């Protein structure tokens, strides 16, 4: 069985070795046919704390690491343009 790979944006990096990644997808509404966006948040394991807020990342499904973490960080596709030194 292949593991799911998802691409999304890091929306929280306040936990140690954990990132919250928001994955947005577009679906067609079943009745009126309008294209709408749906998003879901996943907790992903980031062993080296490499990603930061706003980064676009790829995550993959893995064994359960904790109560909520079922994904691991695969690659950082694009770093965010925000400056990390101004953040407290």
N, C-alpha and C. Protein backbone atom coordinates (compact mmCIF):
# COMPACT_ATOMS: atom_id res chain seq x y z
N UNK A 1 0.84 -1.18 0.00
CA UNK A 1 0.00 0.00 0.00
C UNK A 1 0.88 1.24 0.00
N UNK A 2 0.60 2.19 -0.89
CA UNK A 2 1.42 3.39 -0.96
C UNK A 2 0.97 4.40 0.10
N UNK A 3 1.93 5.20 0.52
CA UNK A 3 1.64 6.20 1.53
C UNK A 3 1.17 7.48 0.85
N UNK A 4 0.21 8.14 1.49
CA UNK A 4 -0.32 9.38 0.93
C UNK A 4 0.72 10.49 1.04
N UNK A 5 0.83 11.28 -0.01
CA UNK A 5 1.68 12.46 -0.01
C UNK A 5 0.79 13.67 -0.22
N UNK A 6 0.93 14.66 0.64
CA UNK A 6 0.11 15.86 0.57
C UNK A 6 1.01 17.09 0.56
N UNK A 7 0.54 18.15 -0.07
CA UNK A 7 1.28 19.41 -0.12
C UNK A 7 0.42 20.49 0.51
N UNK A 8 1.04 21.27 1.39
CA UNK A 8 0.30 22.33 2.06
C UNK A 8 1.22 23.37 2.66
N UNK A 9 0.63 24.28 3.43
CA UNK A 9 1.37 25.35 4.05
C UNK A 9 1.45 25.16 5.55
N UNK A 10 2.59 25.49 6.14
CA UNK A 10 2.76 25.41 7.59
C UNK A 10 2.00 26.58 8.21
N UNK A 11 1.05 26.26 9.09
CA UNK A 11 0.26 27.31 9.73
C UNK A 11 0.61 27.50 11.20
N UNK A 12 1.38 26.56 11.77
CA UNK A 12 1.84 26.71 13.15
C UNK A 12 3.15 25.97 13.32
N UNK A 13 4.12 26.65 13.97
CA UNK A 13 5.40 26.02 14.27
C UNK A 13 5.78 26.24 15.73
N UNK A 14 4.78 26.38 16.59
CA UNK A 14 5.04 26.70 17.99
C UNK A 14 5.40 25.48 18.84
N UNK A 15 5.11 24.27 18.33
CA UNK A 15 5.44 23.05 19.07
C UNK A 15 6.81 22.55 18.65
N UNK A 16 7.50 21.91 19.55
CA UNK A 16 8.82 21.36 19.26
C UNK A 16 8.67 20.09 18.41
N UNK A 17 9.34 20.07 17.26
CA UNK A 17 9.35 18.94 16.33
C UNK A 17 7.98 18.61 15.74
N UNK A 18 7.05 19.54 15.81
CA UNK A 18 5.71 19.34 15.26
C UNK A 18 5.30 20.57 14.48
N UNK A 19 4.72 20.35 13.31
CA UNK A 19 4.20 21.44 12.50
C UNK A 19 2.75 21.15 12.16
N UNK A 20 1.92 22.18 12.13
CA UNK A 20 0.54 22.05 11.68
C UNK A 20 0.53 22.50 10.23
N UNK A 21 0.14 21.60 9.33
CA UNK A 21 0.15 21.86 7.89
C UNK A 21 -1.30 21.90 7.41
N UNK A 22 -1.67 22.98 6.75
CA UNK A 22 -3.01 23.12 6.18
C UNK A 22 -2.95 22.76 4.71
N UNK A 23 -3.73 21.74 4.34
CA UNK A 23 -3.81 21.27 2.95
C UNK A 23 -5.14 21.75 2.38
N UNK A 24 -5.08 22.51 1.29
CA UNK A 24 -6.27 23.04 0.65
C UNK A 24 -6.49 22.33 -0.68
N UNK A 25 -7.75 21.93 -0.92
CA UNK A 25 -8.08 21.27 -2.18
C UNK A 25 -9.34 21.93 -2.72
N UNK A 26 -9.53 21.83 -4.03
CA UNK A 26 -10.72 22.40 -4.65
C UNK A 26 -11.64 21.26 -5.07
N UNK A 27 -12.94 21.45 -4.79
CA UNK A 27 -13.95 20.46 -5.16
C UNK A 27 -15.11 21.18 -5.83
N UNK A 28 -15.86 20.45 -6.61
CA UNK A 28 -17.04 21.00 -7.26
C UNK A 28 -18.25 20.72 -6.38
N UNK A 29 -19.07 21.74 -6.14
CA UNK A 29 -20.27 21.60 -5.34
C UNK A 29 -21.24 20.63 -6.03
N UNK A 30 -21.81 19.67 -5.29
CA UNK A 30 -22.63 18.65 -5.93
C UNK A 30 -23.93 19.16 -6.56
N UNK A 31 -24.47 20.26 -6.08
CA UNK A 31 -25.75 20.73 -6.60
C UNK A 31 -25.59 21.84 -7.63
N UNK A 32 -24.90 22.93 -7.25
CA UNK A 32 -24.83 24.05 -8.19
C UNK A 32 -23.57 24.05 -9.05
N UNK A 33 -22.62 23.16 -8.82
CA UNK A 33 -21.46 23.02 -9.68
C UNK A 33 -20.37 24.05 -9.47
N UNK A 34 -20.53 24.94 -8.49
CA UNK A 34 -19.52 25.95 -8.23
C UNK A 34 -18.27 25.31 -7.62
N UNK A 35 -17.11 25.77 -8.01
CA UNK A 35 -15.85 25.25 -7.47
C UNK A 35 -15.58 25.95 -6.14
N UNK A 36 -15.42 25.16 -5.08
CA UNK A 36 -15.17 25.69 -3.75
C UNK A 36 -13.89 25.05 -3.20
N UNK A 37 -13.29 25.70 -2.22
CA UNK A 37 -12.06 25.16 -1.63
C UNK A 37 -12.35 24.60 -0.26
N UNK A 38 -11.76 23.48 0.02
CA UNK A 38 -11.86 22.82 1.32
C UNK A 38 -10.45 22.69 1.88
N UNK A 39 -10.31 22.87 3.19
CA UNK A 39 -8.99 22.74 3.80
C UNK A 39 -9.07 21.85 5.03
N UNK A 40 -7.96 21.21 5.32
CA UNK A 40 -7.86 20.34 6.48
C UNK A 40 -6.48 20.51 7.08
N UNK A 41 -6.40 20.42 8.41
CA UNK A 41 -5.13 20.58 9.11
C UNK A 41 -4.59 19.23 9.52
N UNK A 42 -3.30 19.03 9.31
CA UNK A 42 -2.61 17.81 9.70
C UNK A 42 -1.43 18.17 10.59
N UNK A 43 -1.21 17.38 11.64
CA UNK A 43 -0.03 17.52 12.48
C UNK A 43 1.06 16.65 11.88
N UNK A 44 2.22 17.25 11.61
CA UNK A 44 3.31 16.53 10.97
C UNK A 44 4.57 16.61 11.83
N UNK A 45 5.33 15.52 11.82
CA UNK A 45 6.58 15.44 12.59
C UNK A 45 7.71 16.05 11.78
N UNK A 46 8.43 17.01 12.39
CA UNK A 46 9.58 17.67 11.77
C UNK A 46 10.76 17.48 12.71
N UNK A 47 11.55 16.45 12.47
CA UNK A 47 12.61 16.03 13.40
C UNK A 47 13.62 17.13 13.70
N UNK A 48 14.01 17.91 12.70
CA UNK A 48 15.07 18.90 12.88
C UNK A 48 14.56 20.33 12.97
N UNK A 49 13.27 20.51 13.12
CA UNK A 49 12.65 21.84 13.17
C UNK A 49 13.09 22.69 11.98
N UNK A 50 13.11 22.09 10.81
CA UNK A 50 13.63 22.76 9.61
C UNK A 50 12.63 23.73 9.01
N UNK A 51 11.35 23.46 9.10
CA UNK A 51 10.35 24.32 8.48
C UNK A 51 9.90 25.40 9.45
N UNK A 52 9.36 26.47 8.88
CA UNK A 52 8.86 27.57 9.71
C UNK A 52 7.51 28.03 9.17
N UNK A 53 6.93 28.97 9.84
CA UNK A 53 5.59 29.46 9.52
C UNK A 53 5.54 30.00 8.09
N UNK A 54 4.56 29.55 7.30
CA UNK A 54 4.38 30.03 5.96
C UNK A 54 5.07 29.22 4.88
N UNK A 55 5.89 28.26 5.24
CA UNK A 55 6.59 27.44 4.25
C UNK A 55 5.60 26.51 3.54
N UNK A 56 5.86 26.23 2.28
CA UNK A 56 5.11 25.23 1.54
C UNK A 56 5.88 23.92 1.63
N UNK A 57 5.23 22.87 2.14
CA UNK A 57 5.92 21.62 2.42
C UNK A 57 5.14 20.43 1.85
N UNK A 58 5.85 19.32 1.73
CA UNK A 58 5.24 18.05 1.37
C UNK A 58 5.34 17.14 2.58
N UNK A 59 4.22 16.49 2.93
CA UNK A 59 4.21 15.56 4.05
C UNK A 59 3.76 14.19 3.54
N UNK A 60 4.17 13.14 4.25
CA UNK A 60 3.75 11.80 3.87
C UNK A 60 3.24 11.05 5.08
N UNK A 61 2.35 10.11 4.83
CA UNK A 61 1.71 9.32 5.88
C UNK A 61 2.73 8.37 6.49
N UNK A 62 2.67 8.19 7.81
CA UNK A 62 3.59 7.29 8.50
C UNK A 62 2.86 6.60 9.65
N UNK A 63 3.62 5.86 10.41
CA UNK A 63 3.03 5.20 11.57
C UNK A 63 2.61 6.26 12.59
N UNK A 64 1.72 5.95 13.51
CA UNK A 64 1.33 6.93 14.53
C UNK A 64 2.51 7.29 15.42
N UNK A 65 2.81 8.57 15.50
CA UNK A 65 3.91 9.05 16.33
C UNK A 65 3.40 9.52 17.67
N UNK A 66 2.21 10.11 17.68
CA UNK A 66 1.56 10.53 18.93
C UNK A 66 0.06 10.47 18.70
N UNK A 67 -0.69 11.06 19.60
CA UNK A 67 -2.15 11.02 19.50
C UNK A 67 -2.64 11.65 18.19
N UNK A 68 -2.04 12.75 17.79
CA UNK A 68 -2.50 13.46 16.60
C UNK A 68 -1.57 13.32 15.40
N UNK A 69 -0.29 13.02 15.62
CA UNK A 69 0.68 13.01 14.51
C UNK A 69 0.65 11.69 13.77
N UNK A 70 0.27 11.77 12.48
CA UNK A 70 0.25 10.59 11.61
C UNK A 70 1.03 10.85 10.32
N UNK A 71 1.67 12.02 10.22
CA UNK A 71 2.42 12.41 9.03
C UNK A 71 3.81 12.87 9.42
N UNK A 72 4.74 12.80 8.46
CA UNK A 72 6.09 13.29 8.64
C UNK A 72 6.42 14.27 7.52
N UNK A 73 7.31 15.20 7.82
CA UNK A 73 7.74 16.17 6.83
C UNK A 73 8.67 15.49 5.83
N UNK A 74 8.35 15.62 4.52
CA UNK A 74 9.20 15.03 3.48
C UNK A 74 10.18 16.06 2.95
N UNK A 75 9.67 17.13 2.36
CA UNK A 75 10.54 18.17 1.79
C UNK A 75 9.91 19.54 2.00
N UNK A 76 10.78 20.54 1.98
CA UNK A 76 10.33 21.93 2.00
C UNK A 76 10.40 22.42 0.56
N UNK A 77 9.24 22.70 -0.02
CA UNK A 77 9.18 23.11 -1.41
C UNK A 77 9.60 24.56 -1.57
N UNK A 78 9.06 25.43 -0.72
CA UNK A 78 9.36 26.85 -0.82
C UNK A 78 9.38 27.46 0.58
N UNK A 79 10.46 28.18 0.88
CA UNK A 79 10.54 28.87 2.16
C UNK A 79 9.67 30.12 2.11
N UNK A 80 9.17 30.53 3.27
CA UNK A 80 8.33 31.73 3.32
C UNK A 80 9.19 32.97 3.17
N UNK A 81 8.56 34.06 2.78
CA UNK A 81 9.28 35.29 2.56
C UNK A 81 9.35 36.17 3.81
N UNK A 82 8.75 35.72 4.92
CA UNK A 82 8.78 36.50 6.14
C UNK A 82 10.11 36.37 6.83
N UNK A 83 10.48 37.39 7.58
CA UNK A 83 11.74 37.38 8.31
C UNK A 83 11.52 36.81 9.68
N UNK A 84 12.25 35.75 10.04
CA UNK A 84 12.06 35.07 11.32
C UNK A 84 12.65 35.85 12.49
N UNK A 85 13.52 36.81 12.26
CA UNK A 85 14.14 37.53 13.36
C UNK A 85 13.19 38.51 14.02
N UNK A 86 12.13 38.95 13.33
CA UNK A 86 11.18 39.89 13.92
C UNK A 86 10.15 39.20 14.78
N UNK A 87 10.05 37.87 14.67
CA UNK A 87 9.06 37.12 15.43
C UNK A 87 9.53 36.86 16.85
N UNK A 88 8.63 36.91 17.80
CA UNK A 88 9.00 36.64 19.19
C UNK A 88 8.51 35.30 19.62
